[in-house]
Protein backbone atom coordinates (compact mmCIF):
# COMPACT_ATOMS: atom_id res chain seq x y z
CA MET A 1 -24.14 -144.84 41.07
CA ILE A 2 -22.06 -147.99 41.58
CA ARG A 3 -20.40 -148.18 44.98
CA LYS A 4 -17.50 -150.52 45.64
CA ARG A 5 -19.47 -152.49 48.23
CA ASP A 6 -21.80 -153.62 45.43
CA VAL A 7 -19.03 -155.19 43.33
CA CYS A 8 -16.95 -158.22 44.40
CA SER A 9 -18.36 -157.80 47.90
CA VAL A 10 -16.78 -160.96 49.30
CA LEU A 11 -13.32 -159.83 48.28
CA GLY A 12 -13.97 -156.33 49.55
CA GLN A 13 -15.00 -157.74 52.93
CA PHE A 14 -11.87 -159.90 52.98
CA PHE A 15 -9.64 -156.87 52.26
CA LEU A 16 -11.25 -154.93 55.08
CA GLN A 17 -11.27 -157.84 57.54
CA VAL A 18 -7.55 -158.51 57.13
CA ALA A 19 -6.99 -154.76 57.54
CA VAL A 20 -8.79 -154.83 60.88
CA VAL A 21 -6.88 -157.92 62.03
CA ALA A 22 -3.51 -156.48 60.99
CA SER A 23 -4.23 -153.17 62.70
CA MET A 24 -4.36 -155.08 65.99
CA GLY A 25 -1.03 -156.80 65.30
CA THR A 26 2.57 -155.67 65.04
CA MET A 27 3.14 -155.56 61.31
CA GLY A 28 4.93 -152.24 61.21
CA TRP A 29 1.90 -149.98 60.71
CA PRO A 30 0.98 -147.28 63.27
CA GLN A 31 -2.17 -148.37 65.11
CA ASN A 32 -3.56 -144.83 65.28
CA LEU A 33 -4.11 -142.88 62.08
CA SER A 34 -2.66 -139.38 62.31
CA ARG A 35 -4.01 -136.44 60.35
CA ILE A 36 -0.88 -136.44 58.17
CA ASP A 37 -1.15 -140.14 57.36
CA ARG A 38 -4.85 -139.83 56.55
CA GLU A 39 -4.01 -137.04 54.11
CA ARG A 40 -1.26 -139.21 52.62
CA ALA A 41 -3.69 -142.08 52.11
CA GLN A 42 -6.12 -139.72 50.39
CA GLU A 43 -3.27 -138.43 48.26
CA MET A 44 -2.38 -142.00 47.25
CA LEU A 45 -5.99 -142.57 46.25
CA LYS A 46 -6.00 -139.36 44.22
CA ILE A 47 -2.79 -140.27 42.39
CA ILE A 48 -3.83 -143.87 41.67
CA ALA A 49 -7.29 -142.73 40.53
CA ALA A 50 -5.65 -140.36 38.04
CA ASP A 51 -3.40 -143.15 36.75
CA VAL A 52 -6.44 -145.35 36.15
CA ARG A 53 -8.35 -142.50 34.53
CA GLN A 54 -5.51 -141.84 32.09
CA ASN A 55 -4.14 -145.31 31.41
CA TYR A 56 -6.80 -147.99 31.91
CA TYR A 57 -7.40 -149.73 28.60
CA ASP A 58 -11.21 -149.41 28.77
CA SER A 59 -12.17 -145.74 28.84
CA LYS A 60 -15.67 -146.75 30.03
CA PHE A 61 -14.27 -148.80 32.96
CA HIS A 62 -16.62 -151.73 32.21
CA GLY A 63 -19.60 -149.59 33.19
CA VAL A 64 -18.23 -148.74 36.64
CA ASP A 65 -18.79 -145.12 37.68
CA TRP A 66 -15.13 -144.51 38.44
CA GLU A 67 -15.56 -140.99 39.79
CA ALA A 68 -18.30 -142.11 42.19
CA THR A 69 -16.13 -145.05 43.29
CA VAL A 70 -13.23 -142.74 44.06
CA ARG A 71 -15.44 -140.36 46.03
CA ALA A 72 -16.81 -143.27 48.07
CA ALA A 73 -13.29 -144.53 48.80
CA ASP A 74 -12.20 -141.05 49.87
CA ALA A 75 -15.15 -140.86 52.28
CA GLU A 76 -14.19 -144.25 53.75
CA ILE A 77 -10.59 -143.10 54.23
CA ALA A 78 -11.90 -140.04 56.06
CA ARG A 79 -13.58 -142.43 58.56
CA ALA A 80 -10.70 -144.92 58.80
CA THR A 81 -8.95 -145.32 62.16
CA THR A 82 -5.72 -146.99 60.96
CA LEU A 83 -3.43 -146.50 57.97
CA GLU A 84 -3.90 -150.19 57.15
CA ARG A 85 -7.67 -149.68 56.85
CA ALA A 86 -7.19 -146.49 54.82
CA THR A 87 -4.88 -148.08 52.24
CA SER A 88 -7.23 -151.08 51.98
CA GLU A 89 -9.86 -148.65 50.71
CA VAL A 90 -7.55 -147.78 47.79
CA ALA A 91 -7.26 -151.48 46.95
CA ALA A 92 -11.03 -151.98 47.26
CA ALA A 93 -11.64 -149.12 44.82
CA LEU A 94 -9.50 -150.83 42.17
CA GLU A 95 -11.28 -154.11 42.88
CA THR A 96 -14.50 -152.65 41.42
CA LEU A 97 -12.92 -152.96 37.96
CA ASN A 98 -12.80 -156.76 38.46
CA ASP A 99 -9.52 -156.90 36.54
CA SER A 100 -6.86 -159.49 37.39
CA HIS A 101 -3.94 -157.20 36.55
CA THR A 102 -5.10 -153.86 38.01
CA ILE A 103 -3.95 -153.78 41.63
CA PHE A 104 -2.71 -151.29 44.21
CA MET A 105 0.84 -151.77 45.47
CA PRO A 106 1.00 -150.21 48.94
CA PRO A 107 4.19 -148.98 50.63
CA ARG A 108 6.64 -151.71 51.58
CA TYR A 109 6.39 -152.94 55.11
CA ALA A 110 9.18 -152.45 57.65
CA VAL A 111 8.82 -156.20 58.17
CA GLN A 112 8.31 -159.09 55.79
CA VAL A 113 6.26 -162.20 56.40
CA GLU A 114 6.64 -165.82 55.39
CA TYR A 115 3.74 -168.09 56.26
CA GLY A 116 5.69 -171.33 55.94
CA TRP A 117 3.05 -173.06 53.85
CA GLN A 118 1.32 -172.69 50.50
CA PHE A 119 -2.13 -173.55 49.23
CA GLN A 120 -3.77 -173.87 45.82
CA THR A 121 -7.08 -174.77 44.27
CA VAL A 122 -7.33 -178.13 42.54
CA GLY A 123 -10.57 -178.24 40.61
CA ASP A 124 -13.11 -176.68 42.96
CA ARG A 125 -11.29 -177.57 46.18
CA CYS A 126 -8.31 -176.03 47.97
CA PHE A 127 -5.37 -177.98 49.35
CA VAL A 128 -2.13 -177.40 51.19
CA THR A 129 0.62 -177.96 48.60
CA MET A 130 3.84 -177.12 50.48
CA VAL A 131 4.96 -176.89 54.11
CA LYS A 132 8.35 -175.41 54.95
CA PRO A 133 10.55 -177.47 57.27
CA GLY A 134 11.00 -175.81 60.64
CA SER A 135 7.95 -173.56 60.26
CA ASP A 136 5.10 -173.19 62.74
CA ALA A 137 2.89 -174.71 60.04
CA GLU A 138 4.95 -177.91 60.23
CA ALA A 139 4.90 -177.82 64.01
CA LYS A 140 1.10 -177.46 64.00
CA GLY A 141 0.82 -180.52 61.75
CA LEU A 142 -0.09 -179.01 58.38
CA LYS A 143 0.73 -181.40 55.53
CA PRO A 144 0.44 -181.41 51.75
CA GLY A 145 -2.94 -182.86 50.88
CA ASP A 146 -4.81 -181.30 53.81
CA GLU A 147 -7.94 -179.59 52.47
CA VAL A 148 -8.20 -175.90 53.34
CA VAL A 149 -11.75 -174.94 54.27
CA THR A 150 -11.29 -171.42 55.63
CA ILE A 151 -8.57 -168.82 56.06
CA ASP A 152 -9.39 -166.07 58.57
CA GLY A 153 -13.05 -167.04 58.22
CA PHE A 154 -13.19 -166.93 54.41
CA ALA A 155 -13.45 -169.94 52.09
CA PRO A 156 -10.67 -170.01 49.47
CA THR A 157 -12.23 -170.71 46.09
CA ARG A 158 -11.02 -170.59 42.50
CA GLY A 159 -12.75 -167.23 42.05
CA THR A 160 -11.25 -165.61 45.15
CA MET A 161 -7.82 -167.26 45.25
CA SER A 162 -5.74 -164.59 43.50
CA ARG A 163 -7.21 -161.78 45.60
CA MET A 164 -6.72 -163.75 48.81
CA HIS A 165 -3.05 -164.23 47.92
CA TYR A 166 -2.82 -160.51 47.17
CA ALA A 167 -4.48 -159.50 50.43
CA LEU A 168 -2.36 -161.83 52.56
CA ASN A 169 0.99 -161.31 50.84
CA VAL A 170 0.87 -157.72 49.57
CA LEU A 171 -1.94 -155.66 51.05
CA SER A 172 -2.14 -156.90 54.64
CA PRO A 173 0.42 -159.55 55.66
CA GLN A 174 -0.56 -161.31 58.88
CA SER A 175 1.52 -162.53 61.80
CA VAL A 176 -1.02 -165.31 62.42
CA LEU A 177 -3.51 -167.02 60.12
CA GLN A 178 -6.63 -168.71 61.45
CA VAL A 179 -6.95 -171.86 59.35
CA GLY A 180 -9.78 -174.38 59.17
CA LEU A 181 -8.81 -177.60 57.40
CA VAL A 182 -9.59 -181.26 56.96
CA ASP A 183 -6.64 -183.50 57.80
CA SER A 184 -5.66 -185.69 54.83
CA ALA A 185 -5.00 -188.70 57.07
CA SER A 186 -7.74 -188.63 59.71
CA LYS A 187 -10.33 -186.78 57.55
CA LYS A 188 -11.18 -184.75 60.66
CA PHE A 189 -11.79 -180.99 60.66
CA HIS A 190 -9.43 -178.79 62.69
CA ASN A 191 -9.21 -175.09 63.48
CA MET A 192 -5.74 -173.77 64.25
CA ASP A 193 -3.74 -170.58 64.48
CA VAL A 194 -0.63 -170.79 62.31
CA LYS A 195 2.12 -168.28 63.04
CA ALA A 196 4.15 -166.67 60.28
CA THR A 197 7.86 -165.89 60.41
CA VAL A 198 8.17 -162.11 60.66
CA LYS A 199 11.49 -160.54 59.73
CA ARG A 200 12.50 -156.91 59.98
CA ALA A 201 13.63 -155.67 56.60
CA GLU A 202 17.19 -154.56 56.00
CA LYS A 203 17.43 -150.89 55.12
CA ILE A 204 19.04 -149.88 51.85
CA SER A 205 20.10 -146.28 51.33
CA VAL A 206 18.76 -144.54 48.24
CA ASN A 207 22.08 -142.70 48.13
CA VAL A 208 23.88 -145.93 47.15
CA ASP A 209 22.24 -146.53 43.82
CA LEU A 210 19.04 -147.94 45.30
CA ALA A 211 17.36 -148.73 42.00
CA ARG A 212 20.32 -150.79 40.76
CA MET A 213 20.58 -152.65 44.07
CA ARG A 214 16.91 -153.60 44.09
CA GLN A 215 17.01 -154.61 40.43
CA ARG A 216 20.00 -156.86 41.09
CA LEU A 217 18.35 -158.55 44.07
CA ASP A 218 15.08 -159.06 42.21
CA ALA A 219 16.91 -160.32 39.12
CA GLU A 220 18.80 -162.88 41.22
CA GLU A 221 15.52 -164.11 42.70
CA ARG A 222 13.91 -164.39 39.25
CA ARG A 223 16.88 -166.28 37.83
CA ASP A 224 16.92 -168.73 40.71
CA LEU A 225 13.20 -169.47 40.57
CA ALA A 226 12.74 -169.22 36.79
CA HIS A 227 15.60 -171.46 35.76
CA PRO A 228 14.13 -174.36 33.76
CA ARG A 229 14.68 -177.88 35.02
CA VAL A 230 15.01 -180.72 32.54
CA GLU A 231 14.58 -184.50 32.65
CA GLU A 232 15.51 -186.65 29.64
CA MET A 233 14.34 -190.23 29.13
CA ASP A 234 16.58 -191.56 26.39
CA ASP A 235 15.50 -190.25 22.99
CA ALA A 236 11.81 -190.88 23.69
CA LEU A 237 10.99 -187.94 25.92
CA MET A 238 12.23 -184.67 27.35
CA ILE A 239 10.38 -182.88 30.15
CA VAL A 240 10.93 -179.17 30.74
CA LYS A 241 9.65 -177.63 33.96
CA PHE A 242 9.82 -173.85 34.25
CA PRO A 243 7.83 -171.66 36.67
CA SER A 244 7.91 -168.41 34.69
CA PHE A 245 8.76 -166.89 31.31
CA PHE A 246 12.04 -165.22 32.30
CA GLN A 247 14.68 -166.94 30.18
CA ALA A 248 17.16 -165.50 27.71
CA GLU A 249 16.54 -166.22 24.03
CA SER A 250 19.76 -168.23 23.89
CA GLU A 251 18.57 -170.43 26.77
CA VAL A 252 15.25 -171.09 25.03
CA GLU A 253 17.06 -171.99 21.81
CA GLY A 254 19.36 -174.33 23.71
CA LEU A 255 16.41 -176.14 25.28
CA LEU A 256 14.65 -176.44 21.94
CA ASP A 257 17.81 -177.79 20.30
CA LYS A 258 18.06 -180.38 23.07
CA ALA A 259 14.38 -181.26 22.63
CA ARG A 260 14.89 -181.91 18.92
CA SER A 261 16.82 -185.07 19.75
CA HIS A 262 13.70 -186.49 21.41
CA LYS A 263 10.45 -187.82 19.97
CA ALA A 264 8.23 -186.06 22.49
CA LEU A 265 8.38 -182.93 24.66
CA ILE A 266 6.39 -182.23 27.83
CA VAL A 267 6.26 -178.54 28.76
CA ASP A 268 5.21 -178.32 32.40
CA LEU A 269 3.61 -174.92 33.05
CA ARG A 270 1.92 -175.82 36.32
CA GLY A 271 2.38 -172.95 38.74
CA ASN A 272 3.87 -170.77 35.99
CA GLY A 273 2.59 -167.25 36.67
CA GLY A 274 3.68 -165.79 33.33
CA GLY A 275 6.43 -163.29 32.61
CA SER A 276 7.94 -161.75 29.49
CA GLU A 277 5.98 -161.57 26.25
CA ALA A 278 9.27 -161.77 24.36
CA VAL A 279 10.10 -165.11 26.02
CA LEU A 280 6.61 -166.38 25.18
CA ARG A 281 7.29 -165.52 21.54
CA TYR A 282 10.67 -167.31 21.65
CA TRP A 283 9.06 -170.50 22.91
CA LEU A 284 6.15 -170.52 20.47
CA GLY A 285 8.47 -169.59 17.60
CA GLY A 286 10.37 -172.80 18.32
CA LEU A 287 7.27 -175.00 18.13
CA PHE A 288 5.73 -173.88 14.83
CA HIS A 289 7.27 -174.03 11.35
CA SER A 290 5.44 -170.86 10.31
CA ASP A 291 4.74 -167.57 12.05
CA VAL A 292 1.85 -167.80 14.51
CA LYS A 293 -0.50 -165.13 15.78
CA ILE A 294 -0.80 -165.27 19.55
CA ALA A 295 -3.58 -162.71 20.05
CA ASP A 296 -4.78 -159.21 19.30
CA ARG A 297 -3.66 -156.57 21.77
CA VAL A 298 -6.68 -154.31 22.34
CA SER A 299 -5.76 -151.02 24.02
CA ARG A 300 -7.64 -147.79 24.50
CA LYS A 301 -6.28 -146.30 21.27
CA LYS A 302 -5.60 -149.20 18.92
CA THR A 303 -5.70 -152.91 18.20
CA GLU A 304 -2.57 -154.68 17.00
CA PRO A 305 -1.53 -158.31 16.52
CA VAL A 306 0.92 -160.10 18.80
CA LEU A 307 2.99 -162.42 16.62
CA ALA A 308 5.54 -165.15 17.24
CA LYS A 309 7.94 -165.53 14.35
CA SER A 310 9.01 -169.08 13.61
CA ASN A 311 12.59 -169.83 14.62
CA ARG A 312 12.99 -172.22 11.72
CA HIS A 313 16.49 -173.34 12.70
CA HIS A 314 15.44 -174.37 16.21
CA VAL A 315 11.92 -175.79 15.75
CA PHE A 316 10.93 -178.88 17.69
CA ASP A 317 8.34 -180.75 15.59
CA GLY A 318 7.82 -183.90 17.66
CA LYS A 319 4.87 -184.70 19.92
CA LEU A 320 4.06 -181.84 22.28
CA ILE A 321 2.21 -182.12 25.60
CA VAL A 322 1.55 -179.10 27.83
CA LEU A 323 0.68 -179.32 31.54
CA VAL A 324 -1.30 -176.55 33.29
CA ASP A 325 -3.13 -176.02 36.56
CA SER A 326 -4.96 -173.29 38.48
CA GLY A 327 -1.61 -171.61 39.14
CA SER A 328 -0.87 -171.22 35.43
CA ALA A 329 -1.44 -167.58 34.53
CA SER A 330 -0.83 -164.90 31.91
CA ALA A 331 1.83 -166.00 29.38
CA ALA A 332 1.45 -169.64 30.47
CA GLU A 333 -2.24 -169.51 29.58
CA LEU A 334 -1.54 -167.86 26.24
CA PHE A 335 1.05 -170.55 25.47
CA ALA A 336 -1.40 -173.37 26.22
CA ARG A 337 -4.25 -171.80 24.26
CA VAL A 338 -2.10 -171.12 21.19
CA VAL A 339 -1.05 -174.78 21.24
CA GLN A 340 -4.73 -175.78 21.42
CA ILE A 341 -5.99 -173.44 18.72
CA GLY A 342 -3.12 -174.35 16.40
CA LYS A 343 -3.70 -178.06 17.08
CA ARG A 344 0.01 -178.31 17.81
CA GLY A 345 -0.26 -180.51 20.91
CA THR A 346 -2.32 -181.75 23.83
CA VAL A 347 -3.02 -179.77 27.00
CA LEU A 348 -3.50 -181.73 30.25
CA GLY A 349 -4.30 -180.77 33.84
CA ASP A 350 -6.60 -178.29 35.55
CA ARG A 351 -8.31 -175.15 34.24
CA THR A 352 -5.95 -172.20 34.34
CA SER A 353 -6.36 -169.02 36.40
CA GLY A 354 -7.91 -166.71 33.77
CA MET A 355 -5.50 -163.82 34.41
CA THR A 356 -4.30 -162.69 30.99
CA MET A 357 -4.45 -158.91 30.76
CA GLU A 358 -1.39 -156.83 29.85
CA ALA A 359 -0.39 -154.28 32.46
CA LYS A 360 2.18 -151.63 33.33
CA PHE A 361 3.38 -150.51 36.74
CA PHE A 362 3.12 -146.83 37.67
CA PRO A 363 5.37 -145.99 40.67
CA HIS A 364 5.06 -142.93 42.92
CA ARG A 365 6.48 -141.50 46.12
CA ILE A 366 5.23 -138.91 48.57
CA GLY A 367 6.80 -137.27 51.61
CA THR A 368 7.28 -137.90 55.30
CA THR A 369 4.87 -140.17 57.16
CA ALA A 370 4.81 -142.08 60.41
CA PHE A 371 4.91 -145.30 58.36
CA GLN A 372 8.44 -144.84 57.06
CA ASN A 373 11.15 -142.55 58.23
CA ASN A 374 11.19 -140.31 55.20
CA PHE A 375 8.84 -141.13 52.35
CA LEU A 376 6.25 -143.54 50.98
CA VAL A 377 6.96 -145.53 47.84
CA PHE A 378 3.78 -146.94 46.30
CA GLY A 379 2.06 -147.40 42.96
CA ALA A 380 -0.40 -149.42 40.95
CA GLN A 381 -0.24 -152.03 38.26
CA ILE A 382 -2.82 -150.99 35.66
CA THR A 383 -4.11 -152.95 32.70
CA CYS A 384 -3.19 -151.21 29.47
CA ALA A 385 -4.50 -153.83 27.05
CA GLU A 386 -6.72 -156.88 26.75
CA LEU A 387 -5.46 -159.87 24.76
CA VAL A 388 -8.06 -161.46 22.48
CA MET A 389 -7.20 -164.88 21.08
CA THR A 390 -7.57 -165.80 17.41
CA ASP A 391 -10.92 -167.46 18.15
CA GLY A 392 -12.23 -164.01 19.10
CA LYS A 393 -12.34 -164.72 22.84
CA SER A 394 -10.45 -163.42 25.85
CA LEU A 395 -9.13 -165.78 28.52
CA GLU A 396 -9.65 -163.23 31.31
CA HIS A 397 -11.81 -164.77 34.08
CA VAL A 398 -12.22 -167.85 31.86
CA GLY A 399 -8.84 -169.53 31.60
CA VAL A 400 -7.84 -172.47 29.44
CA THR A 401 -9.82 -175.69 29.74
CA PRO A 402 -7.41 -178.59 29.13
CA ASP A 403 -8.09 -181.15 26.41
CA GLU A 404 -7.97 -183.72 29.19
CA MET A 405 -8.88 -182.68 32.75
CA LEU A 406 -6.65 -184.41 35.28
CA LEU A 407 -6.68 -183.48 38.96
CA PRO A 408 -4.41 -184.88 41.66
CA SER A 409 -6.32 -185.94 44.76
CA GLY A 410 -5.55 -184.91 48.31
CA ALA A 411 -4.05 -188.37 48.78
CA ASP A 412 -1.79 -187.80 45.75
CA LEU A 413 -0.56 -184.51 47.21
CA ALA A 414 0.01 -186.12 50.60
CA ALA A 415 2.04 -188.97 49.07
CA ASN A 416 3.85 -186.67 46.58
CA ARG A 417 2.42 -188.55 43.61
CA ASP A 418 2.03 -186.85 40.22
CA PRO A 419 -0.63 -188.66 38.17
CA VAL A 420 -0.80 -185.77 35.69
CA LEU A 421 2.83 -186.12 34.65
CA THR A 422 2.36 -189.90 34.57
CA ARG A 423 -0.49 -189.52 32.06
CA ALA A 424 1.53 -187.07 29.97
CA ALA A 425 4.43 -189.54 29.80
CA GLU A 426 1.98 -192.27 28.81
CA LEU A 427 0.80 -190.17 25.88
CA ALA A 428 4.45 -189.85 24.87
CA GLY A 429 4.85 -193.62 24.97
CA VAL A 430 6.88 -193.69 28.21
CA GLN A 431 6.00 -195.54 31.41
CA LEU A 432 6.47 -193.32 34.47
CA ASP A 433 4.82 -194.27 37.76
CA PRO A 434 3.20 -191.46 39.82
CA GLU A 435 5.65 -191.82 42.73
CA LYS A 436 8.69 -191.37 40.49
CA ALA A 437 6.98 -188.56 38.62
CA GLY A 438 6.38 -186.74 41.90
CA LYS A 439 10.11 -186.78 42.69
CA LEU A 440 11.37 -185.40 39.39
CA PHE A 441 10.87 -181.72 40.18
CA PRO A 442 10.93 -181.05 43.94
CA ARG A 443 9.11 -177.87 44.98
CA GLN A 444 11.41 -174.98 45.83
CA TRP A 445 11.14 -172.21 48.40
CA ALA A 446 12.22 -168.68 47.54
CA LYS A 447 15.35 -167.39 49.22
CA ASP A 448 14.89 -165.42 52.41
CA ARG A 449 15.43 -161.79 51.49
CA ALA A 450 14.04 -158.69 53.17
CA TYR A 451 14.91 -155.09 52.43
CA MET A 452 13.26 -151.68 52.58
CA LEU A 453 14.14 -148.10 51.65
CA GLU A 454 15.49 -145.15 53.57
CA GLU A 455 16.97 -141.80 52.62
């Protein structure tokens, strides 16, 4: 029998540690687990387990004894002392599948948290990449380029990064993070407690077309953050920076038409977490003169090709350079790998995240709890298919290795220099110094928005 403690044990320990820390804080969860809430947590586990059983793309669950895993999680919930700890057991059960796209989405918190700083792996190291003005992180002296050694006692690595982000931002948001880092200027190690900004969520009544309201708010956020940014350098080069694949087909065609008046195109996918498969097809269809196969979609019942049809009236056929990093995921990785396999262009940067499964979200709700006034809304994102590239390999847990590995240093991050974009411009025949390159696309913070549900 395979128990969840035997698989991905470091991540499991991290899930449970942040659950213990949060249960001592004021994040909106009841500190004592009532009989009703324990039963609700067990019901969530039962429902999610059934969703996995029926919908997970691999009917053999990669050799994991799924029924034994569920029984073990149920036993842990029976011993849990807080709702936070109980729901973390649901997440830990899904973690045994070791699947980047299969994750538990717990009930929304009555409060939302913003840490005021961001971090990312660069090669095999982890650095602070953004610090929000006015945040406690800024007040404590965190700066881009500082190397992050530990977060709440755990070392952030390439292999654990996505689950750490999930634990801290979705599963168990924290009011304070204990951070160990090496200062980029002094090179000295520091331990510090960095406070997050905690905001109570605005309540939205389900009697006022809740679904439409939430969709509108989320759509606004996606449009704001996904809108491509463009820099043109005469007719020699056009640079397109877009953080996700959420554009309309007409917008993609417009960008490609604009690119056709240039000799070279840099597509900057660094930090692009993926998005719509349709948008991925639009982009690739505008870069190849013939139809291109992206991958085979392998589901539980069938295997079918994923194709991008050439948009022959809007094809850019000049020099193509694609930039990726450890934050490039899903559709961004597929884009880069198709360009590589088709020998259509050059890929520069860092190895991508290796998170390329195809998943669907299964939402649920159950009745009254102490957590929310009336009901719990929860669910799970579950992988329904694996995408196998035309070379017969999957990118899951592997990622895309660039044709030319280029990593900014901590000093580059601290000085806001972008040597990767500088090298890409050089390949396009354009001189662009790293300081200027670093100023072309300033990093953006998401809008402050907090809302929750009530009857």
